[in-house]
Protein backbone atom coordinates (compact mmCIF):
# COMPACT_ATOMS: atom_id res chain seq x y z
CA UNK A 1 0.00 0.00 0.00
CA UNK A 2 1.25 3.41 -0.97
CA UNK A 3 4.26 2.25 -2.98
CA UNK A 4 3.01 3.89 -6.19
CA UNK A 5 1.67 0.88 -8.09
CA UNK A 6 -0.99 2.85 -9.96
CA UNK A 7 1.10 5.94 -10.77
CA UNK A 8 4.08 3.89 -11.88
CA UNK A 9 1.96 1.36 -13.74
CA UNK A 10 0.13 4.04 -15.72
CA UNK A 11 3.33 5.81 -16.69
CA UNK A 12 5.04 2.53 -17.61
CA UNK A 13 2.12 1.47 -19.79
CA UNK A 14 2.22 4.78 -21.67
CA UNK A 15 5.97 4.43 -22.12
CA UNK A 16 5.58 0.87 -23.46
CA UNK A 17 2.46 1.81 -25.47
CA UNK A 18 0.40 -0.99 -23.92
CA UNK A 19 -2.84 -0.94 -21.91
CA UNK A 20 -2.84 -0.40 -18.14
CA UNK A 21 -5.20 -2.41 -15.95
CA UNK A 22 -5.66 -1.90 -12.22
CA UNK A 23 -7.29 -4.97 -10.66
CA UNK A 24 -8.83 -2.88 -7.86
CA UNK A 25 -10.47 -0.57 -10.40
CA UNK A 26 -11.92 -3.56 -12.25
CA UNK A 27 -13.48 -4.81 -9.03
CA UNK A 28 -14.88 -1.36 -8.18
CA UNK A 29 -16.34 -0.88 -11.67
CA UNK A 30 -18.15 -4.21 -11.49
CA UNK A 31 -19.02 -4.60 -7.82
CA UNK A 32 -18.80 -1.22 -6.09
CA UNK A 33 -16.40 0.43 -3.63
CA UNK A 34 -13.87 -1.85 -1.98
CA UNK A 35 -14.61 -0.49 1.51
CA UNK A 36 -18.28 -1.43 1.06
CA UNK A 37 -17.39 -4.90 -0.22
CA UNK A 38 -15.24 -5.47 2.86
CA UNK A 39 -17.95 -4.19 5.17
CA UNK A 40 -20.87 -6.04 3.61
CA UNK A 41 -19.29 -9.31 2.50
CA UNK A 42 -15.89 -9.58 4.22
CA UNK A 43 -12.34 -9.87 2.98
CA UNK A 44 -12.70 -13.43 1.63
CA UNK A 45 -15.47 -12.36 -0.76
CA UNK A 46 -13.44 -9.37 -1.91
CA UNK A 47 -10.36 -11.57 -2.52
CA UNK A 48 -12.45 -13.91 -4.72
CA UNK A 49 -13.66 -10.96 -6.81
CA UNK A 50 -10.12 -9.63 -6.92
CA UNK A 51 -8.79 -12.97 -8.17
CA UNK A 52 -11.29 -12.94 -11.04
CA UNK A 53 -10.18 -9.41 -11.96
CA UNK A 54 -6.50 -10.38 -11.88
CA UNK A 55 -7.05 -13.41 -14.12
CA UNK A 56 -8.93 -11.24 -16.60
CA UNK A 57 -6.25 -8.53 -16.55
CA UNK A 58 -3.43 -11.04 -17.06
CA UNK A 59 -5.21 -12.47 -20.11
CA UNK A 60 -4.56 -9.22 -21.98
CA UNK A 61 -1.34 -7.59 -23.08
CA UNK A 62 -0.18 -4.75 -20.88
CA UNK A 63 0.83 -3.54 -17.46
CA UNK A 64 -1.27 -4.90 -14.59
CA UNK A 65 -1.36 -3.33 -11.15
CA UNK A 66 -2.52 -5.64 -8.40
CA UNK A 67 -3.98 -4.54 -5.11
CA UNK A 68 -1.55 -5.03 -2.25
CA UNK A 69 -3.40 -8.04 -0.87
CA UNK A 70 -4.14 -9.78 -4.17
CA UNK A 71 -1.30 -12.25 -3.72
CA UNK A 72 -2.74 -13.48 -0.44
CA UNK A 73 -4.95 -15.73 -2.58
CA UNK A 74 -3.14 -18.94 -3.58
CA UNK A 75 -4.96 -18.98 -6.92
CA UNK A 76 -3.81 -15.44 -7.71
CA UNK A 77 -0.21 -16.33 -6.87
CA UNK A 78 -0.45 -19.33 -9.21
CA UNK A 79 -1.92 -17.11 -11.95
CA UNK A 80 1.21 -14.92 -11.84
CA UNK A 81 3.49 -17.83 -12.74
CA UNK A 82 5.38 -17.08 -15.93
CA UNK A 83 4.79 -13.32 -15.78
CA UNK A 84 7.44 -10.76 -14.83
CA UNK A 85 6.47 -9.47 -11.39
CA UNK A 86 7.81 -6.11 -10.24
CA UNK A 87 7.71 -5.50 -6.49
CA UNK A 88 7.58 -1.85 -5.50
CA UNK A 89 8.68 -1.21 -1.93
CA UNK A 90 8.41 1.88 0.25
CA UNK A 91 9.55 2.71 3.76
CA UNK A 92 7.08 3.45 6.53
CA UNK A 93 8.47 6.96 6.82
CA UNK A 94 7.90 7.70 3.12
CA UNK A 95 4.48 6.07 2.96
CA UNK A 96 3.02 7.86 5.97
CA UNK A 97 2.36 11.10 4.09
CA UNK A 98 1.15 9.19 1.02
CA UNK A 99 -1.54 7.43 3.05
CA UNK A 100 -2.70 10.44 5.09
CA UNK A 101 -6.49 10.60 4.98
CA UNK A 102 -6.73 7.26 3.20
CA UNK A 103 -9.99 5.34 3.22
CA UNK A 104 -8.24 2.00 2.73
CA UNK A 105 -10.25 -0.62 4.62
CA UNK A 106 -7.29 -2.38 6.22
CA UNK A 107 -5.94 0.93 7.61
CA UNK A 108 -9.13 2.18 9.22
CA UNK A 109 -8.04 0.87 12.59
CA UNK A 110 -4.40 1.59 13.26
CA UNK A 111 -3.02 3.94 10.61
CA UNK A 112 0.72 3.66 9.98
CA UNK A 113 1.11 0.94 12.61
CA UNK A 114 -1.47 -1.13 10.75
CA UNK A 115 0.49 -0.48 7.53
CA UNK A 116 3.70 -1.67 9.22
CA UNK A 117 2.03 -4.87 10.42
CA UNK A 118 0.48 -5.58 7.02
CA UNK A 119 3.76 -4.84 5.21
CA UNK A 120 5.74 -7.13 7.52
CA UNK A 121 3.22 -9.94 7.14
CA UNK A 122 3.05 -9.71 3.35
CA UNK A 123 6.74 -9.05 2.61
CA UNK A 124 7.84 -12.71 2.40
CA UNK A 125 5.02 -13.50 -0.04
CA UNK A 126 5.83 -10.43 -2.16
CA UNK A 127 9.53 -11.25 -2.31
CA UNK A 128 8.90 -14.89 -3.18
CA UNK A 129 6.84 -13.81 -6.20
CA UNK A 130 9.01 -10.90 -7.31
CA UNK A 131 11.16 -11.09 -10.40
CA UNK A 132 12.75 -7.77 -9.41
CA UNK A 133 12.40 -5.21 -6.59
CA UNK A 134 12.47 -1.41 -6.82
CA UNK A 135 12.19 0.95 -3.87
CA UNK A 136 9.99 4.01 -4.45
CA UNK A 137 10.53 5.75 -1.12
CA UNK A 138 12.48 8.80 -2.25
CA UNK A 139 12.63 8.48 -6.01
CA UNK A 140 10.55 10.23 -8.66
CA UNK A 141 8.00 8.11 -10.49
CA UNK A 142 9.79 8.72 -13.80
CA UNK A 143 13.06 7.36 -12.40
CA UNK A 144 11.40 4.18 -11.17
CA UNK A 145 9.70 3.78 -14.55
CA UNK A 146 13.07 4.22 -16.29
CA UNK A 147 14.54 1.49 -14.08
CA UNK A 148 11.67 -0.91 -14.75
CA UNK A 149 11.86 -0.30 -18.48
CA UNK A 150 15.61 -0.92 -18.46
CA UNK A 151 15.07 -4.13 -16.48
CA UNK A 152 12.33 -5.30 -18.88
CA UNK A 153 14.60 -4.61 -21.87
CA UNK A 154 17.38 -6.66 -20.26
CA UNK A 155 14.94 -9.51 -19.57
CA UNK A 156 13.85 -9.50 -23.21
CA UNK A 157 17.45 -9.24 -24.39
CA UNK A 158 16.87 -5.88 -26.07
CA UNK A 159 19.11 -3.78 -23.86
C-alpha atoms as a PDB file:
ATOM      1  CA  UNK A   1       0.000   0.000   0.000  1.00  0.00           C
ATOM      2  CA  UNK A   2       1.250   3.409  -0.967  1.00  0.00           C
ATOM      3  CA  UNK A   3       4.258   2.252  -2.982  1.00  0.00           C
ATOM      4  CA  UNK A   4       3.010   3.890  -6.189  1.00  0.00           C
ATOM      5  CA  UNK A   5       1.669   0.882  -8.093  1.00  0.00           C
ATOM      6  CA  UNK A   6      -0.986   2.846  -9.961  1.00  0.00           C
ATOM      7  CA  UNK A   7       1.100   5.936 -10.766  1.00  0.00           C
ATOM      8  CA  UNK A   8       4.082   3.894 -11.878  1.00  0.00           C
ATOM      9  CA  UNK A   9       1.958   1.359 -13.743  1.00  0.00           C
ATOM     10  CA  UNK A  10       0.129   4.039 -15.721  1.00  0.00           C
ATOM     11  CA  UNK A  11       3.333   5.812 -16.687  1.00  0.00           C
ATOM     12  CA  UNK A  12       5.042   2.527 -17.609  1.00  0.00           C
ATOM     13  CA  UNK A  13       2.119   1.470 -19.791  1.00  0.00           C
ATOM     14  CA  UNK A  14       2.222   4.783 -21.672  1.00  0.00           C
ATOM     15  CA  UNK A  15       5.969   4.430 -22.124  1.00  0.00           C
ATOM     16  CA  UNK A  16       5.581   0.874 -23.463  1.00  0.00           C
ATOM     17  CA  UNK A  17       2.464   1.806 -25.471  1.00  0.00           C
ATOM     18  CA  UNK A  18       0.399  -0.990 -23.923  1.00  0.00           C
ATOM     19  CA  UNK A  19      -2.836  -0.936 -21.907  1.00  0.00           C
ATOM     20  CA  UNK A  20      -2.845  -0.401 -18.145  1.00  0.00           C
ATOM     21  CA  UNK A  21      -5.205  -2.413 -15.949  1.00  0.00           C
ATOM     22  CA  UNK A  22      -5.661  -1.902 -12.221  1.00  0.00           C
ATOM     23  CA  UNK A  23      -7.293  -4.967 -10.658  1.00  0.00           C
ATOM     24  CA  UNK A  24      -8.833  -2.875  -7.858  1.00  0.00           C
ATOM     25  CA  UNK A  25     -10.466  -0.565 -10.397  1.00  0.00           C
ATOM     26  CA  UNK A  26     -11.916  -3.562 -12.251  1.00  0.00           C
ATOM     27  CA  UNK A  27     -13.479  -4.805  -9.026  1.00  0.00           C
ATOM     28  CA  UNK A  28     -14.883  -1.356  -8.181  1.00  0.00           C
ATOM     29  CA  UNK A  29     -16.335  -0.876 -11.666  1.00  0.00           C
ATOM     30  CA  UNK A  30     -18.154  -4.209 -11.489  1.00  0.00           C
ATOM     31  CA  UNK A  31     -19.025  -4.604  -7.817  1.00  0.00           C
ATOM     32  CA  UNK A  32     -18.804  -1.217  -6.085  1.00  0.00           C
ATOM     33  CA  UNK A  33     -16.403   0.426  -3.628  1.00  0.00           C
ATOM     34  CA  UNK A  34     -13.868  -1.851  -1.978  1.00  0.00           C
ATOM     35  CA  UNK A  35     -14.607  -0.495   1.510  1.00  0.00           C
ATOM     36  CA  UNK A  36     -18.279  -1.427   1.063  1.00  0.00           C
ATOM     37  CA  UNK A  37     -17.389  -4.900  -0.218  1.00  0.00           C
ATOM     38  CA  UNK A  38     -15.239  -5.475   2.864  1.00  0.00           C
ATOM     39  CA  UNK A  39     -17.946  -4.187   5.173  1.00  0.00           C
ATOM     40  CA  UNK A  40     -20.873  -6.043   3.608  1.00  0.00           C
ATOM     41  CA  UNK A  41     -19.286  -9.307   2.500  1.00  0.00           C
ATOM     42  CA  UNK A  42     -15.891  -9.581   4.221  1.00  0.00           C
ATOM     43  CA  UNK A  43     -12.345  -9.873   2.984  1.00  0.00           C
ATOM     44  CA  UNK A  44     -12.695 -13.430   1.626  1.00  0.00           C
ATOM     45  CA  UNK A  45     -15.472 -12.357  -0.756  1.00  0.00           C
ATOM     46  CA  UNK A  46     -13.436  -9.371  -1.908  1.00  0.00           C
ATOM     47  CA  UNK A  47     -10.363 -11.567  -2.517  1.00  0.00           C
ATOM     48  CA  UNK A  48     -12.448 -13.907  -4.715  1.00  0.00           C
ATOM     49  CA  UNK A  49     -13.660 -10.961  -6.814  1.00  0.00           C
ATOM     50  CA  UNK A  50     -10.118  -9.630  -6.920  1.00  0.00           C
ATOM     51  CA  UNK A  51      -8.791 -12.972  -8.167  1.00  0.00           C
ATOM     52  CA  UNK A  52     -11.293 -12.943 -11.041  1.00  0.00           C
ATOM     53  CA  UNK A  53     -10.179  -9.413 -11.964  1.00  0.00           C
ATOM     54  CA  UNK A  54      -6.497 -10.378 -11.885  1.00  0.00           C
ATOM     55  CA  UNK A  55      -7.046 -13.414 -14.120  1.00  0.00           C
ATOM     56  CA  UNK A  56      -8.927 -11.241 -16.602  1.00  0.00           C
ATOM     57  CA  UNK A  57      -6.246  -8.534 -16.545  1.00  0.00           C
ATOM     58  CA  UNK A  58      -3.431 -11.037 -17.061  1.00  0.00           C
ATOM     59  CA  UNK A  59      -5.207 -12.471 -20.111  1.00  0.00           C
ATOM     60  CA  UNK A  60      -4.555  -9.223 -21.982  1.00  0.00           C
ATOM     61  CA  UNK A  61      -1.338  -7.590 -23.077  1.00  0.00           C
ATOM     62  CA  UNK A  62      -0.182  -4.752 -20.881  1.00  0.00           C
ATOM     63  CA  UNK A  63       0.826  -3.542 -17.459  1.00  0.00           C
ATOM     64  CA  UNK A  64      -1.267  -4.902 -14.594  1.00  0.00           C
ATOM     65  CA  UNK A  65      -1.363  -3.330 -11.148  1.00  0.00           C
ATOM     66  CA  UNK A  66      -2.521  -5.644  -8.395  1.00  0.00           C
ATOM     67  CA  UNK A  67      -3.985  -4.538  -5.111  1.00  0.00           C
ATOM     68  CA  UNK A  68      -1.554  -5.026  -2.247  1.00  0.00           C
ATOM     69  CA  UNK A  69      -3.402  -8.038  -0.869  1.00  0.00           C
ATOM     70  CA  UNK A  70      -4.144  -9.784  -4.169  1.00  0.00           C
ATOM     71  CA  UNK A  71      -1.299 -12.251  -3.724  1.00  0.00           C
ATOM     72  CA  UNK A  72      -2.738 -13.485  -0.437  1.00  0.00           C
ATOM     73  CA  UNK A  73      -4.954 -15.726  -2.576  1.00  0.00           C
ATOM     74  CA  UNK A  74      -3.143 -18.940  -3.582  1.00  0.00           C
ATOM     75  CA  UNK A  75      -4.964 -18.977  -6.921  1.00  0.00           C
ATOM     76  CA  UNK A  76      -3.811 -15.445  -7.713  1.00  0.00           C
ATOM     77  CA  UNK A  77      -0.210 -16.327  -6.871  1.00  0.00           C
ATOM     78  CA  UNK A  78      -0.448 -19.328  -9.210  1.00  0.00           C
ATOM     79  CA  UNK A  79      -1.919 -17.109 -11.954  1.00  0.00           C
ATOM     80  CA  UNK A  80       1.210 -14.923 -11.842  1.00  0.00           C
ATOM     81  CA  UNK A  81       3.486 -17.828 -12.741  1.00  0.00           C
ATOM     82  CA  UNK A  82       5.382 -17.080 -15.927  1.00  0.00           C
ATOM     83  CA  UNK A  83       4.793 -13.323 -15.778  1.00  0.00           C
ATOM     84  CA  UNK A  84       7.440 -10.760 -14.834  1.00  0.00           C
ATOM     85  CA  UNK A  85       6.470  -9.470 -11.390  1.00  0.00           C
ATOM     86  CA  UNK A  86       7.808  -6.115 -10.236  1.00  0.00           C
ATOM     87  CA  UNK A  87       7.710  -5.501  -6.491  1.00  0.00           C
ATOM     88  CA  UNK A  88       7.577  -1.846  -5.498  1.00  0.00           C
ATOM     89  CA  UNK A  89       8.680  -1.214  -1.927  1.00  0.00           C
ATOM     90  CA  UNK A  90       8.409   1.881   0.245  1.00  0.00           C
ATOM     91  CA  UNK A  91       9.550   2.710   3.764  1.00  0.00           C
ATOM     92  CA  UNK A  92       7.078   3.449   6.527  1.00  0.00           C
ATOM     93  CA  UNK A  93       8.474   6.965   6.816  1.00  0.00           C
ATOM     94  CA  UNK A  94       7.904   7.700   3.120  1.00  0.00           C
ATOM     95  CA  UNK A  95       4.484   6.067   2.962  1.00  0.00           C
ATOM     96  CA  UNK A  96       3.018   7.862   5.974  1.00  0.00           C
ATOM     97  CA  UNK A  97       2.359  11.100   4.093  1.00  0.00           C
ATOM     98  CA  UNK A  98       1.152   9.186   1.019  1.00  0.00           C
ATOM     99  CA  UNK A  99      -1.543   7.434   3.047  1.00  0.00           C
ATOM    100  CA  UNK A 100      -2.698  10.444   5.093  1.00  0.00           C
ATOM    101  CA  UNK A 101      -6.492  10.596   4.984  1.00  0.00           C
ATOM    102  CA  UNK A 102      -6.725   7.257   3.198  1.00  0.00           C
ATOM    103  CA  UNK A 103      -9.987   5.338   3.222  1.00  0.00           C
ATOM    104  CA  UNK A 104      -8.238   2.002   2.727  1.00  0.00           C
ATOM    105  CA  UNK A 105     -10.249  -0.622   4.617  1.00  0.00           C
ATOM    106  CA  UNK A 106      -7.289  -2.375   6.216  1.00  0.00           C
ATOM    107  CA  UNK A 107      -5.944   0.930   7.614  1.00  0.00           C
ATOM    108  CA  UNK A 108      -9.133   2.181   9.221  1.00  0.00           C
ATOM    109  CA  UNK A 109      -8.040   0.867  12.589  1.00  0.00           C
ATOM    110  CA  UNK A 110      -4.401   1.594  13.259  1.00  0.00           C
ATOM    111  CA  UNK A 111      -3.022   3.943  10.610  1.00  0.00           C
ATOM    112  CA  UNK A 112       0.719   3.656   9.980  1.00  0.00           C
ATOM    113  CA  UNK A 113       1.113   0.938  12.605  1.00  0.00           C
ATOM    114  CA  UNK A 114      -1.474  -1.126  10.746  1.00  0.00           C
ATOM    115  CA  UNK A 115       0.492  -0.484   7.529  1.00  0.00           C
ATOM    116  CA  UNK A 116       3.704  -1.673   9.221  1.00  0.00           C
ATOM    117  CA  UNK A 117       2.035  -4.872  10.419  1.00  0.00           C
ATOM    118  CA  UNK A 118       0.483  -5.576   7.016  1.00  0.00           C
ATOM    119  CA  UNK A 119       3.764  -4.842   5.211  1.00  0.00           C
ATOM    120  CA  UNK A 120       5.741  -7.128   7.521  1.00  0.00           C
ATOM    121  CA  UNK A 121       3.218  -9.942   7.139  1.00  0.00           C
ATOM    122  CA  UNK A 122       3.053  -9.713   3.346  1.00  0.00           C
ATOM    123  CA  UNK A 123       6.738  -9.052   2.611  1.00  0.00           C
ATOM    124  CA  UNK A 124       7.839 -12.709   2.403  1.00  0.00           C
ATOM    125  CA  UNK A 125       5.022 -13.501  -0.041  1.00  0.00           C
ATOM    126  CA  UNK A 126       5.827 -10.435  -2.163  1.00  0.00           C
ATOM    127  CA  UNK A 127       9.529 -11.248  -2.309  1.00  0.00           C
ATOM    128  CA  UNK A 128       8.905 -14.893  -3.178  1.00  0.00           C
ATOM    129  CA  UNK A 129       6.842 -13.810  -6.201  1.00  0.00           C
ATOM    130  CA  UNK A 130       9.010 -10.897  -7.311  1.00  0.00           C
ATOM    131  CA  UNK A 131      11.161 -11.089 -10.400  1.00  0.00           C
ATOM    132  CA  UNK A 132      12.753  -7.768  -9.406  1.00  0.00           C
ATOM    133  CA  UNK A 133      12.399  -5.211  -6.592  1.00  0.00           C
ATOM    134  CA  UNK A 134      12.469  -1.407  -6.823  1.00  0.00           C
ATOM    135  CA  UNK A 135      12.192   0.953  -3.874  1.00  0.00           C
ATOM    136  CA  UNK A 136       9.989   4.015  -4.446  1.00  0.00           C
ATOM    137  CA  UNK A 137      10.532   5.752  -1.120  1.00  0.00           C
ATOM    138  CA  UNK A 138      12.476   8.799  -2.247  1.00  0.00           C
ATOM    139  CA  UNK A 139      12.628   8.483  -6.010  1.00  0.00           C
ATOM    140  CA  UNK A 140      10.554  10.232  -8.664  1.00  0.00           C
ATOM    141  CA  UNK A 141       8.004   8.113 -10.487  1.00  0.00           C
ATOM    142  CA  UNK A 142       9.789   8.715 -13.802  1.00  0.00           C
ATOM    143  CA  UNK A 143      13.064   7.355 -12.399  1.00  0.00           C
ATOM    144  CA  UNK A 144      11.396   4.182 -11.167  1.00  0.00           C
ATOM    145  CA  UNK A 145       9.696   3.777 -14.546  1.00  0.00           C
ATOM    146  CA  UNK A 146      13.072   4.220 -16.285  1.00  0.00           C
ATOM    147  CA  UNK A 147      14.543   1.490 -14.083  1.00  0.00           C
ATOM    148  CA  UNK A 148      11.666  -0.905 -14.745  1.00  0.00           C
ATOM    149  CA  UNK A 149      11.855  -0.298 -18.484  1.00  0.00           C
ATOM    150  CA  UNK A 150      15.613  -0.923 -18.456  1.00  0.00           C
ATOM    151  CA  UNK A 151      15.075  -4.134 -16.484  1.00  0.00           C
ATOM    152  CA  UNK A 152      12.335  -5.304 -18.884  1.00  0.00           C
ATOM    153  CA  UNK A 153      14.603  -4.615 -21.867  1.00  0.00           C
ATOM    154  CA  UNK A 154      17.382  -6.663 -20.264  1.00  0.00           C
ATOM    155  CA  UNK A 155      14.944  -9.513 -19.566  1.00  0.00           C
ATOM    156  CA  UNK A 156      13.848  -9.500 -23.208  1.00  0.00           C
ATOM    157  CA  UNK A 157      17.447  -9.240 -24.388  1.00  0.00           C
ATOM    158  CA  UNK A 158      16.871  -5.885 -26.065  1.00  0.00           C
ATOM    159  CA  UNK A 159      19.108  -3.782 -23.855  1.00  0.00           C
END
